[in-house]
Amino acid sequence: MIMGTYFIGITTLLFTFVTVVRDTVLQLILSWFVTLMIIATTLVLFYSAAIPKQNLFSPAYCLVRFWERCLDVQETIANRTPQPAAPVTPLVPPPATHASNYTVDVQFAGLISRDSVRAMMSGLSRAGWNVQGVSGGGERTKSAAGVNEIRYGKEEDRPAAVALAEAVEAYQLSSSATIGIVRVPSVGSRKLEVWISQ
């Protein structure tokens, strides 16, 4: 709706300008400019909708409000969008994982509200995980766009990462049915990172 209004407004301005000037070369240049602008915008919108991991372009909803930061647009839209309810049963990690020994950081992107992330983080904390920044509701970052995984650094931390992935999946915040487990050497020992997006 807003993007269509932009196109109509710009096209009307250019058409009025070309009508007043009456220069055929200028008319040709401006008509090609408008045509290429419409084609380029359409391709960007298609790419952002078709490719889940959006590294080249911002998501389509960010293009509509181009004057705002994309992360702010995501926050606004996520707060207006109904979120899935948190699981009714408390999440209890298997005793073998020693959840309280692990520091957990949460990064998220997309149309997930901060309140939903905060609820997940609180639930994980109540279940024994040492979740950092629960009151802040995690870190919204575009680096998490299209990513749904738990990252760990040391091989001995893998069982805890698997248990955390199962706990995070129960909240159904992700656009993916399953949360991947990825070893990233830069993640420290006894540290786990939640990367989630929708």
C-alpha atoms as a PDB file:
ATOM      1  CA  MET A   1       0.000   0.000   0.000  1.00  0.00           C
ATOM      2  CA  ILE A   2       2.662   2.534   1.044  1.00  0.00           C
ATOM      3  CA  MET A   3       5.052   1.381  -1.701  1.00  0.00           C
ATOM      4  CA  GLY A   4       2.275   1.753  -4.290  1.00  0.00           C
ATOM      5  CA  THR A   5       1.624   5.294  -3.066  1.00  0.00           C
ATOM      6  CA  TYR A   6       5.337   6.087  -3.528  1.00  0.00           C
ATOM      7  CA  PHE A   7       5.263   4.831  -7.114  1.00  0.00           C
ATOM      8  CA  ILE A   8       2.091   6.768  -7.957  1.00  0.00           C
ATOM      9  CA  GLY A   9       3.485   9.942  -6.371  1.00  0.00           C
ATOM     10  CA  ILE A  10       6.870   9.747  -8.111  1.00  0.00           C
ATOM     11  CA  THR A  11       5.291   8.816 -11.448  1.00  0.00           C
ATOM     12  CA  THR A  12       2.830  11.726 -11.190  1.00  0.00           C
ATOM     13  CA  LEU A  13       5.654  14.168 -10.413  1.00  0.00           C
ATOM     14  CA  LEU A  14       7.768  12.936 -13.310  1.00  0.00           C
ATOM     15  CA  PHE A  15       4.808  12.932 -15.693  1.00  0.00           C
ATOM     16  CA  THR A  16       3.951  16.521 -14.709  1.00  0.00           C
ATOM     17  CA  PHE A  17       7.570  17.589 -15.164  1.00  0.00           C
ATOM     18  CA  VAL A  18       7.843  15.912 -18.581  1.00  0.00           C
ATOM     19  CA  THR A  19       4.530  17.461 -19.708  1.00  0.00           C
ATOM     20  CA  VAL A  20       5.734  20.946 -18.778  1.00  0.00           C
ATOM     21  CA  VAL A  21       9.206  20.564 -20.357  1.00  0.00           C
ATOM     22  CA  ARG A  22       8.055  18.873 -23.612  1.00  0.00           C
ATOM     23  CA  ASP A  23      11.530  17.626 -24.469  1.00  0.00           C
ATOM     24  CA  THR A  24      11.400  14.242 -26.229  1.00  0.00           C
ATOM     25  CA  VAL A  25      14.901  13.194 -25.140  1.00  0.00           C
ATOM     26  CA  LEU A  26      14.126  14.045 -21.500  1.00  0.00           C
ATOM     27  CA  GLN A  27      10.790  12.248 -21.779  1.00  0.00           C
ATOM     28  CA  LEU A  28      12.541   9.139 -23.074  1.00  0.00           C
ATOM     29  CA  ILE A  29      15.169   9.226 -20.303  1.00  0.00           C
ATOM     30  CA  LEU A  30      12.579   9.686 -17.551  1.00  0.00           C
ATOM     31  CA  SER A  31      10.300   6.962 -18.917  1.00  0.00           C
ATOM     32  CA  TRP A  32      13.231   4.514 -18.940  1.00  0.00           C
ATOM     33  CA  PHE A  33      14.189   5.641 -15.430  1.00  0.00           C
ATOM     34  CA  VAL A  34      10.678   4.961 -14.088  1.00  0.00           C
ATOM     35  CA  THR A  35      10.525   1.599 -15.873  1.00  0.00           C
ATOM     36  CA  LEU A  36      13.910   0.479 -14.529  1.00  0.00           C
ATOM     37  CA  MET A  37      13.012   1.683 -11.029  1.00  0.00           C
ATOM     38  CA  ILE A  38       9.811  -0.389 -11.046  1.00  0.00           C
ATOM     39  CA  ILE A  39      11.640  -3.472 -12.388  1.00  0.00           C
ATOM     40  CA  ALA A  40      14.476  -3.147  -9.839  1.00  0.00           C
ATOM     41  CA  THR A  41      12.070  -2.717  -6.910  1.00  0.00           C
ATOM     42  CA  THR A  42       9.992  -5.687  -8.063  1.00  0.00           C
ATOM     43  CA  LEU A  43      13.116  -7.866  -8.293  1.00  0.00           C
ATOM     44  CA  VAL A  44      14.266  -6.802  -4.822  1.00  0.00           C
ATOM     45  CA  LEU A  45      10.826  -7.544  -3.347  1.00  0.00           C
ATOM     46  CA  PHE A  46      10.754 -10.941  -5.071  1.00  0.00           C
ATOM     47  CA  TYR A  47      14.274 -11.795  -3.890  1.00  0.00           C
ATOM     48  CA  SER A  48      13.534 -10.821  -0.281  1.00  0.00           C
ATOM     49  CA  ALA A  49      10.364 -12.948  -0.296  1.00  0.00           C
ATOM     50  CA  ALA A  50      11.838 -15.971  -2.103  1.00  0.00           C
ATOM     51  CA  ILE A  51      15.222 -16.259  -0.375  1.00  0.00           C
ATOM     52  CA  PRO A  52      14.915 -16.932   3.381  1.00  0.00           C
ATOM     53  CA  LYS A  53      18.454 -15.837   4.254  1.00  0.00           C
ATOM     54  CA  GLN A  54      18.411 -12.220   3.159  1.00  0.00           C
ATOM     55  CA  ASN A  55      22.002 -11.060   2.972  1.00  0.00           C
ATOM     56  CA  LEU A  56      21.922  -8.801  -0.101  1.00  0.00           C
ATOM     57  CA  PHE A  57      18.714  -6.866   0.451  1.00  0.00           C
ATOM     58  CA  SER A  58      16.551  -5.908   3.393  1.00  0.00           C
ATOM     59  CA  PRO A  59      13.261  -7.788   3.789  1.00  0.00           C
ATOM     60  CA  ALA A  60      10.348  -6.359   1.814  1.00  0.00           C
ATOM     61  CA  TYR A  61       8.691  -4.860   4.888  1.00  0.00           C
ATOM     62  CA  CYS A  62      11.854  -2.810   5.501  1.00  0.00           C
ATOM     63  CA  LEU A  63      11.727  -1.344   1.990  1.00  0.00           C
ATOM     64  CA  VAL A  64       8.233  -0.018   2.613  1.00  0.00           C
ATOM     65  CA  ARG A  65       9.479   2.143   5.495  1.00  0.00           C
ATOM     66  CA  PHE A  66      12.872   2.966   3.999  1.00  0.00           C
ATOM     67  CA  TRP A  67      13.334   6.025   6.236  1.00  0.00           C
ATOM     68  CA  GLU A  68      13.437   3.834   9.388  1.00  0.00           C
ATOM     69  CA  ARG A  69      16.090   1.343  10.490  1.00  0.00           C
ATOM     70  CA  CYS A  70      15.115  -2.183   9.456  1.00  0.00           C
ATOM     71  CA  LEU A  71      15.470  -3.482  13.032  1.00  0.00           C
ATOM     72  CA  ASP A  72      13.006  -0.827  14.248  1.00  0.00           C
ATOM     73  CA  VAL A  73      10.532  -1.784  11.498  1.00  0.00           C
ATOM     74  CA  GLN A  74      10.826  -5.457  12.511  1.00  0.00           C
ATOM     75  CA  GLU A  75      10.193  -4.542  16.156  1.00  0.00           C
ATOM     76  CA  THR A  76       7.110  -2.478  15.262  1.00  0.00           C
ATOM     77  CA  ILE A  77       5.596  -5.146  12.998  1.00  0.00           C
ATOM     78  CA  ALA A  78       6.403  -7.959  15.451  1.00  0.00           C
ATOM     79  CA  ASN A  79       4.648  -6.095  18.266  1.00  0.00           C
ATOM     80  CA  ARG A  80       1.494  -5.818  16.100  1.00  0.00           C
ATOM     81  CA  THR A  81       1.591  -9.455  14.947  1.00  0.00           C
ATOM     82  CA  PRO A  82      -0.015 -12.142  17.141  1.00  0.00           C
ATOM     83  CA  GLN A  83       2.713 -14.397  18.536  1.00  0.00           C
ATOM     84  CA  PRO A  84       2.411 -18.107  19.375  1.00  0.00           C
ATOM     85  CA  ALA A  85       1.716 -18.834  23.011  1.00  0.00           C
ATOM     86  CA  ALA A  86       4.519 -20.173  25.166  1.00  0.00           C
ATOM     87  CA  PRO A  87       4.302 -23.842  26.111  1.00  0.00           C
ATOM     88  CA  VAL A  88       2.091 -24.608  29.075  1.00  0.00           C
ATOM     89  CA  THR A  89       4.386 -27.152  30.696  1.00  0.00           C
ATOM     90  CA  PRO A  90       7.635 -25.849  32.190  1.00  0.00           C
ATOM     91  CA  LEU A  91      10.774 -26.789  30.307  1.00  0.00           C
ATOM     92  CA  VAL A  92      13.102 -28.972  32.346  1.00  0.00           C
ATOM     93  CA  PRO A  93      16.427 -29.940  30.769  1.00  0.00           C
ATOM     94  CA  PRO A  94      17.698 -33.485  31.254  1.00  0.00           C
ATOM     95  CA  PRO A  95      19.821 -33.691  34.428  1.00  0.00           C
ATOM     96  CA  ALA A  96      22.856 -34.806  32.401  1.00  0.00           C
ATOM     97  CA  THR A  97      23.181 -31.415  30.704  1.00  0.00           C
ATOM     98  CA  HIS A  98      23.869 -29.428  33.905  1.00  0.00           C
ATOM     99  CA  ALA A  99      22.063 -26.473  32.361  1.00  0.00           C
ATOM    100  CA  SER A 100      23.061 -23.988  35.055  1.00  0.00           C
ATOM    101  CA  ASN A 101      26.730 -24.445  34.094  1.00  0.00           C
ATOM    102  CA  TYR A 102      26.084 -22.938  30.650  1.00  0.00           C
ATOM    103  CA  THR A 103      25.885 -19.256  29.785  1.00  0.00           C
ATOM    104  CA  VAL A 104      23.197 -18.700  27.133  1.00  0.00           C
ATOM    105  CA  ASP A 105      22.997 -15.624  24.880  1.00  0.00           C
ATOM    106  CA  VAL A 106      20.008 -14.996  22.595  1.00  0.00           C
ATOM    107  CA  GLN A 107      20.082 -13.214  19.216  1.00  0.00           C
ATOM    108  CA  PHE A 108      16.975 -12.921  17.063  1.00  0.00           C
ATOM    109  CA  ALA A 109      15.647 -11.317  13.892  1.00  0.00           C
ATOM    110  CA  GLY A 110      12.491 -10.976  11.871  1.00  0.00           C
ATOM    111  CA  LEU A 111       8.920 -10.677  13.032  1.00  0.00           C
ATOM    112  CA  ILE A 112       9.407 -12.052  16.541  1.00  0.00           C
ATOM    113  CA  SER A 113       8.351  -9.690  19.302  1.00  0.00           C
ATOM    114  CA  ARG A 114      10.776  -8.909  22.092  1.00  0.00           C
ATOM    115  CA  ASP A 115       8.100  -9.927  24.611  1.00  0.00           C
ATOM    116  CA  SER A 116       7.949 -13.414  23.046  1.00  0.00           C
ATOM    117  CA  VAL A 117      11.732 -13.701  23.208  1.00  0.00           C
ATOM    118  CA  ARG A 118      11.692 -12.460  26.806  1.00  0.00           C
ATOM    119  CA  ALA A 119       9.044 -15.086  27.694  1.00  0.00           C
ATOM    120  CA  MET A 120      11.189 -17.818  26.133  1.00  0.00           C
ATOM    121  CA  MET A 121      14.286 -16.568  27.951  1.00  0.00           C
ATOM    122  CA  SER A 122      12.417 -16.450  31.271  1.00  0.00           C
ATOM    123  CA  GLY A 123      11.159 -19.998  30.750  1.00  0.00           C
ATOM    124  CA  LEU A 124      14.655 -21.239  29.943  1.00  0.00           C
ATOM    125  CA  SER A 125      15.984 -19.448  32.998  1.00  0.00           C
ATOM    126  CA  ARG A 126      13.322 -21.033  35.211  1.00  0.00           C
ATOM    127  CA  ALA A 127      14.276 -24.410  33.746  1.00  0.00           C
ATOM    128  CA  GLY A 128      17.835 -23.924  35.003  1.00  0.00           C
ATOM    129  CA  TRP A 129      19.671 -22.364  32.046  1.00  0.00           C
ATOM    130  CA  ASN A 130      21.950 -19.421  32.855  1.00  0.00           C
ATOM    131  CA  VAL A 131      20.333 -17.073  30.317  1.00  0.00           C
ATOM    132  CA  GLN A 132      21.949 -13.645  29.977  1.00  0.00           C
ATOM    133  CA  GLY A 133      19.917 -10.428  29.668  1.00  0.00           C
ATOM    134  CA  VAL A 134      16.447 -11.858  30.333  1.00  0.00           C
ATOM    135  CA  SER A 135      15.002  -8.469  31.281  1.00  0.00           C
ATOM    136  CA  GLY A 136      16.319  -6.921  28.042  1.00  0.00           C
ATOM    137  CA  GLY A 137      14.747  -9.628  25.898  1.00  0.00           C
ATOM    138  CA  GLY A 138      17.817 -10.684  23.895  1.00  0.00           C
ATOM    139  CA  GLU A 139      19.540  -8.887  21.055  1.00  0.00           C
ATOM    140  CA  ARG A 140      17.707  -8.101  17.834  1.00  0.00           C
ATOM    141  CA  THR A 141      20.279  -8.242  15.031  1.00  0.00           C
ATOM    142  CA  LYS A 142      20.076  -8.576  11.261  1.00  0.00           C
ATOM    143  CA  SER A 143      22.871 -11.176  11.477  1.00  0.00           C
ATOM    144  CA  ALA A 144      20.252 -13.620  12.798  1.00  0.00           C
ATOM    145  CA  ALA A 145      17.991 -13.229   9.727  1.00  0.00           C
ATOM    146  CA  GLY A 146      17.213 -16.633   8.267  1.00  0.00           C
ATOM    147  CA  VAL A 147      19.199 -18.410  10.996  1.00  0.00           C
ATOM    148  CA  ASN A 148      17.655 -20.941  13.400  1.00  0.00           C
ATOM    149  CA  GLU A 149      20.365 -22.696  15.360  1.00  0.00           C
ATOM    150  CA  ILE A 150      22.149 -23.235  18.640  1.00  0.00           C
ATOM    151  CA  ARG A 151      25.874 -22.518  18.460  1.00  0.00           C
ATOM    152  CA  TYR A 152      28.449 -24.126  20.727  1.00  0.00           C
ATOM    153  CA  GLY A 153      32.253 -24.056  20.788  1.00  0.00           C
ATOM    154  CA  LYS A 154      33.622 -27.229  22.371  1.00  0.00           C
ATOM    155  CA  GLU A 155      32.636 -30.774  21.414  1.00  0.00           C
ATOM    156  CA  GLU A 156      31.828 -31.611  25.058  1.00  0.00           C
ATOM    157  CA  ASP A 157      29.163 -28.854  24.988  1.00  0.00           C
ATOM    158  CA  ARG A 158      27.203 -30.537  22.170  1.00  0.00           C
ATOM    159  CA  PRO A 159      24.793 -32.514  24.444  1.00  0.00           C
ATOM    160  CA  ALA A 160      23.840 -29.288  26.220  1.00  0.00           C
ATOM    161  CA  ALA A 161      23.334 -27.574  22.840  1.00  0.00           C
ATOM    162  CA  VAL A 162      20.998 -30.393  21.758  1.00  0.00           C
ATOM    163  CA  ALA A 163      18.995 -30.080  24.998  1.00  0.00           C
ATOM    164  CA  LEU A 164      18.789 -26.300  24.592  1.00  0.00           C
ATOM    165  CA  ALA A 165      17.627 -26.683  20.975  1.00  0.00           C
ATOM    166  CA  GLU A 166      14.770 -28.958  22.120  1.00  0.00           C
ATOM    167  CA  ALA A 167      13.803 -26.415  24.782  1.00  0.00           C
ATOM    168  CA  VAL A 168      13.862 -23.501  22.310  1.00  0.00           C
ATOM    169  CA  GLU A 169      11.811 -25.484  19.744  1.00  0.00           C
ATOM    170  CA  ALA A 170       9.033 -25.885  22.324  1.00  0.00           C
ATOM    171  CA  TYR A 171       8.402 -22.128  22.189  1.00  0.00           C
ATOM    172  CA  GLN A 172       7.691 -22.245  18.433  1.00  0.00           C
ATOM    173  CA  LEU A 173       9.142 -18.793  17.766  1.00  0.00           C
ATOM    174  CA  SER A 174      11.194 -19.934  14.794  1.00  0.00           C
ATOM    175  CA  SER A 175      10.142 -20.059  11.166  1.00  0.00           C
ATOM    176  CA  SER A 176      11.818 -23.474  11.080  1.00  0.00           C
ATOM    177  CA  ALA A 177      10.325 -26.621  12.606  1.00  0.00           C
ATOM    178  CA  THR A 178      13.703 -27.670  13.991  1.00  0.00           C
ATOM    179  CA  ILE A 179      16.589 -25.732  15.448  1.00  0.00           C
ATOM    180  CA  GLY A 180      19.999 -26.729  14.085  1.00  0.00           C
ATOM    181  CA  ILE A 181      23.073 -27.474  16.174  1.00  0.00           C
ATOM    182  CA  VAL A 182      26.253 -25.824  14.861  1.00  0.00           C
ATOM    183  CA  ARG A 183      29.775 -25.914  16.240  1.00  0.00           C
ATOM    184  CA  VAL A 184      31.463 -22.508  16.007  1.00  0.00           C
ATOM    185  CA  PRO A 185      35.017 -22.532  17.436  1.00  0.00           C
ATOM    186  CA  SER A 186      34.833 -18.847  18.425  1.00  0.00           C
ATOM    187  CA  VAL A 187      32.067 -19.630  20.951  1.00  0.00           C
ATOM    188  CA  GLY A 188      33.724 -20.160  24.328  1.00  0.00           C
ATOM    189  CA  SER A 189      33.625 -23.207  26.546  1.00  0.00           C
ATOM    190  CA  ARG A 190      30.395 -23.660  28.533  1.00  0.00           C
ATOM    191  CA  LYS A 191      28.755 -21.008  26.351  1.00  0.00           C
ATOM    192  CA  LEU A 192      25.753 -21.489  24.084  1.00  0.00           C
ATOM    193  CA  GLU A 193      24.218 -19.035  21.633  1.00  0.00           C
ATOM    194  CA  VAL A 194      20.611 -19.076  20.464  1.00  0.00           C
ATOM    195  CA  TRP A 195      20.153 -17.664  16.947  1.00  0.00           C
ATOM    196  CA  ILE A 196      16.504 -17.537  15.959  1.00  0.00           C
ATOM    197  CA  SER A 197      14.408 -15.821  13.313  1.00  0.00           C
ATOM    198  CA  GLN A 198      10.993 -15.829  11.728  1.00  0.00           C
END
